[in-house]
Protein backbone atom coordinates (compact mmCIF):
# COMPACT_ATOMS: atom_id res chain seq x y z
CA MET A 1 -37.02 15.72 6.55
CA ASN A 2 -36.09 14.40 3.11
CA ARG A 3 -35.47 17.74 1.88
CA ARG A 4 -33.14 18.46 4.76
CA ARG A 5 -31.48 15.40 4.30
CA SER A 6 -30.86 15.97 0.72
CA ARG A 7 -29.55 19.29 1.35
CA TRP A 8 -27.13 18.12 3.95
CA ARG A 9 -25.82 15.59 1.31
CA LEU A 10 -25.54 18.02 -1.29
CA GLY A 11 -23.44 20.30 1.05
CA VAL A 12 -21.14 17.40 2.10
CA ALA A 13 -20.75 16.39 -1.59
CA ALA A 14 -19.91 19.91 -2.45
CA LEU A 15 -17.16 20.17 0.12
CA VAL A 16 -15.65 16.54 -0.31
CA LEU A 17 -15.33 16.47 -4.07
CA PRO A 18 -12.99 19.18 -4.27
CA VAL A 19 -10.99 17.70 -1.39
CA ALA A 20 -10.89 14.26 -3.01
CA GLY A 21 -9.28 16.01 -6.15
CA CYS A 22 -6.33 16.98 -4.11
CA VAL A 23 -5.14 13.39 -3.73
CA PRO A 24 -4.22 11.69 -7.15
CA THR A 25 -5.52 8.19 -7.31
CA PRO A 26 -3.13 5.93 -9.16
CA ARG A 27 -3.56 5.27 -12.97
CA HIS A 28 -1.07 2.64 -13.51
CA ALA A 29 -2.40 0.27 -15.99
CA ASP A 30 0.49 0.62 -18.06
CA LEU A 31 2.76 -0.80 -15.07
CA ALA A 32 1.04 -4.07 -15.59
CA ALA A 33 2.77 -6.95 -17.33
CA LEU A 34 2.68 -10.49 -18.08
CA GLY A 35 6.09 -11.20 -16.30
CA PRO A 36 8.15 -11.53 -14.10
CA THR A 37 5.61 -13.01 -11.73
CA PHE A 38 5.71 -11.29 -8.36
CA ALA A 39 6.61 -13.83 -5.69
CA PRO A 40 6.68 -11.54 -2.40
CA GLU A 41 8.36 -14.17 -0.26
CA VAL A 42 11.31 -13.98 -2.70
CA PHE A 43 11.39 -10.33 -3.56
CA PHE A 44 11.30 -9.17 0.08
CA ALA A 45 13.49 -11.71 1.68
CA GLY A 46 16.83 -9.91 2.41
CA LYS A 47 16.99 -6.21 2.36
CA THR A 48 14.97 -3.84 0.50
CA VAL A 49 14.90 -0.06 0.61
CA GLY A 50 11.84 2.17 -0.61
CA GLU A 51 11.86 5.96 -1.41
CA GLY A 52 8.58 7.60 -2.00
CA MET A 53 6.43 10.75 -1.81
CA LEU A 54 3.53 10.71 0.30
CA ARG A 55 0.53 13.23 -0.73
CA VAL A 56 -1.90 13.82 2.16
CA VAL A 57 -4.96 15.95 1.60
CA PHE A 58 -4.37 19.71 2.86
CA SER A 59 -0.78 19.01 3.15
CA HIS A 60 2.61 19.23 1.16
CA ALA A 61 4.16 16.03 -0.33
CA LYS A 62 6.42 14.62 2.01
CA PRO A 63 9.22 12.12 1.54
CA VAL A 64 9.05 8.47 2.75
CA HIS A 65 12.08 6.15 3.23
CA VAL A 66 11.38 2.34 4.08
CA GLU A 67 14.28 -0.03 5.21
CA GLY A 68 12.92 -3.48 5.19
CA GLN A 69 14.53 -6.75 6.40
CA GLY A 70 12.71 -10.00 5.17
CA ARG A 71 13.22 -13.87 6.37
CA THR A 72 11.48 -16.73 4.84
CA GLY A 73 11.07 -19.49 7.22
CA PRO A 74 11.15 -23.25 6.26
CA ASP A 75 7.43 -23.32 5.92
CA GLY A 76 7.59 -20.61 3.42
CA THR A 77 6.31 -18.00 5.74
CA LEU A 78 7.86 -14.62 4.73
CA THR A 79 8.49 -12.36 7.95
CA LEU A 80 9.22 -8.62 6.76
CA VAL A 81 10.25 -6.08 9.48
CA GLN A 82 10.06 -2.34 8.01
CA ARG A 83 11.32 0.93 9.63
CA VAL A 84 9.31 3.59 8.15
CA GLU A 85 10.41 7.23 8.20
CA GLU A 86 8.19 10.13 7.43
CA GLN A 87 9.37 13.53 7.24
CA ASP A 88 8.68 15.50 10.67
CA LYS A 89 7.67 12.24 12.26
CA PRO A 90 9.45 9.83 14.46
CA ALA A 91 10.48 6.44 12.62
CA ARG A 92 8.03 3.72 13.37
CA MET A 93 8.39 -0.04 13.10
CA ARG A 94 5.80 -2.42 11.41
CA SER A 95 5.60 -6.14 10.33
CA TRP A 96 4.38 -8.41 7.88
CA ARG A 97 3.67 -12.04 7.83
CA LEU A 98 2.68 -13.58 4.52
CA ARG A 99 2.24 -17.19 3.58
CA GLN A 100 1.03 -18.84 0.39
CA ARG A 101 -1.72 -20.98 0.39
CA PRO A 102 -1.71 -24.34 -1.73
CA ASP A 103 -4.40 -22.80 -3.81
CA GLY A 104 -2.11 -19.92 -4.77
CA GLY A 105 -3.38 -17.16 -2.63
CA TYR A 106 -1.80 -15.57 0.41
CA ASP A 107 -2.61 -15.38 3.96
CA ALA A 108 -1.36 -12.32 5.51
CA THR A 109 -1.00 -10.25 8.65
CA LEU A 110 0.30 -6.71 9.13
CA SER A 111 0.94 -4.94 12.27
CA ASP A 112 -0.84 -1.73 11.02
CA ALA A 113 -4.05 -3.46 10.09
CA VAL A 114 -7.20 -3.83 11.75
CA GLY A 115 -8.58 -7.24 10.85
CA PRO A 116 -7.89 -9.15 7.46
CA VAL A 117 -5.35 -8.36 5.14
CA ASP A 118 -6.22 -9.32 1.30
CA VAL A 119 -3.29 -10.23 -0.73
CA GLU A 120 -3.56 -11.36 -4.35
CA VAL A 121 -0.78 -11.76 -7.01
CA GLN A 122 -1.63 -11.43 -10.80
CA ALA A 123 1.39 -11.69 -13.03
CA ASN A 124 3.48 -8.79 -11.96
CA LEU A 125 1.06 -7.29 -9.39
CA LEU A 126 0.96 -7.81 -5.94
CA HIS A 127 -2.45 -6.25 -4.82
CA ILE A 128 -2.87 -5.48 -1.02
CA ARG A 129 -6.18 -4.37 0.76
CA PHE A 130 -6.53 -3.68 4.41
CA THR A 131 -8.14 -1.44 6.90
CA MET A 132 -6.20 0.86 9.55
CA LYS A 133 -7.13 2.51 12.77
CA GLY A 134 -9.45 5.25 11.88
CA ARG A 135 -11.46 3.28 9.58
CA LEU A 136 -8.84 4.16 6.90
CA GLY A 137 -8.95 1.68 3.81
CA VAL A 138 -5.69 1.12 2.29
CA GLU A 139 -5.19 -0.31 -1.17
CA GLN A 140 -1.58 -1.05 -2.70
CA TRP A 141 -0.75 -1.79 -6.21
CA ILE A 142 3.12 -3.18 -6.26
CA TYR A 143 4.58 -4.02 -9.58
CA LEU A 144 7.61 -6.03 -9.98
CA GLN A 145 9.77 -4.49 -12.88
CA PRO A 146 11.48 -6.36 -15.48
CA ASP A 147 14.90 -6.37 -13.57
CA GLY A 148 13.31 -8.64 -10.63
CA ARG A 149 15.10 -6.31 -8.26
CA SER A 150 12.76 -3.22 -8.03
CA ALA A 151 9.04 -2.67 -7.76
CA LEU A 152 6.92 0.21 -8.17
CA ASN A 153 4.30 0.84 -5.19
CA ARG A 154 1.26 2.98 -5.66
CA MET A 155 -0.86 3.26 -2.58
CA VAL A 156 -4.01 4.90 -1.66
CA VAL A 157 -5.62 5.46 1.58
CA ARG A 158 -9.40 6.19 1.89
CA LYS A 159 -11.68 7.44 4.37
CA PHE A 160 -15.44 6.95 3.65
CA GLY A 161 -14.44 5.91 0.31
CA ILE A 162 -12.71 9.24 -0.59
CA PRO A 163 -8.81 9.48 -1.22
CA VAL A 164 -7.08 11.20 1.45
CA ALA A 165 -3.38 10.10 0.85
CA ALA A 166 -1.32 8.61 -1.78
CA LEU A 167 2.00 7.29 -1.88
CA HIS A 168 4.09 6.70 -4.86
CA GLU A 169 7.33 4.33 -3.87
CA THR A 170 10.06 2.71 -5.44
CA ILE A 171 11.24 -0.20 -3.67
CA ARG A 172 14.64 -1.69 -4.57
CA LYS A 173 16.12 -5.09 -3.61
CA ILE A 174 19.34 -4.77 -1.81
CA GLY A 175 20.43 -8.20 -0.62
């Protein structure tokens, strides 16, 4: 029984490891900086536009266009509504709610998420983790650039811990 299980695991690993190599995982330590400090409730307030490339395993890279409209309420809660366009797919809407806690952390919800959304800020980095339908794990590293009006988004989607998609996007604050 153990021999059969070991062969099965070895076979799965032989199939999965080459596939995982098809989706680049982010190497972006060079994007980290001490400042400016990322304040998502400030950066995403108003209009933002994102342009990027999505790479999905067994598929060609596809352009992604995201238009966002954010509003910060009197209690400091950011509500961000985004229109996401991927090549060959109908546009879809998603919404975020993000509020800073007194301890400096953030409470967040996302319409794409199933369950909690984990958000941390470390200097110029906005780090987001959540799970989507189909048990897809999503992790984003959004780096505010020195101009304070643009950010670089590096996102990885994993299934069973294996990278299956990656997005490299530049987000610009328009208004």
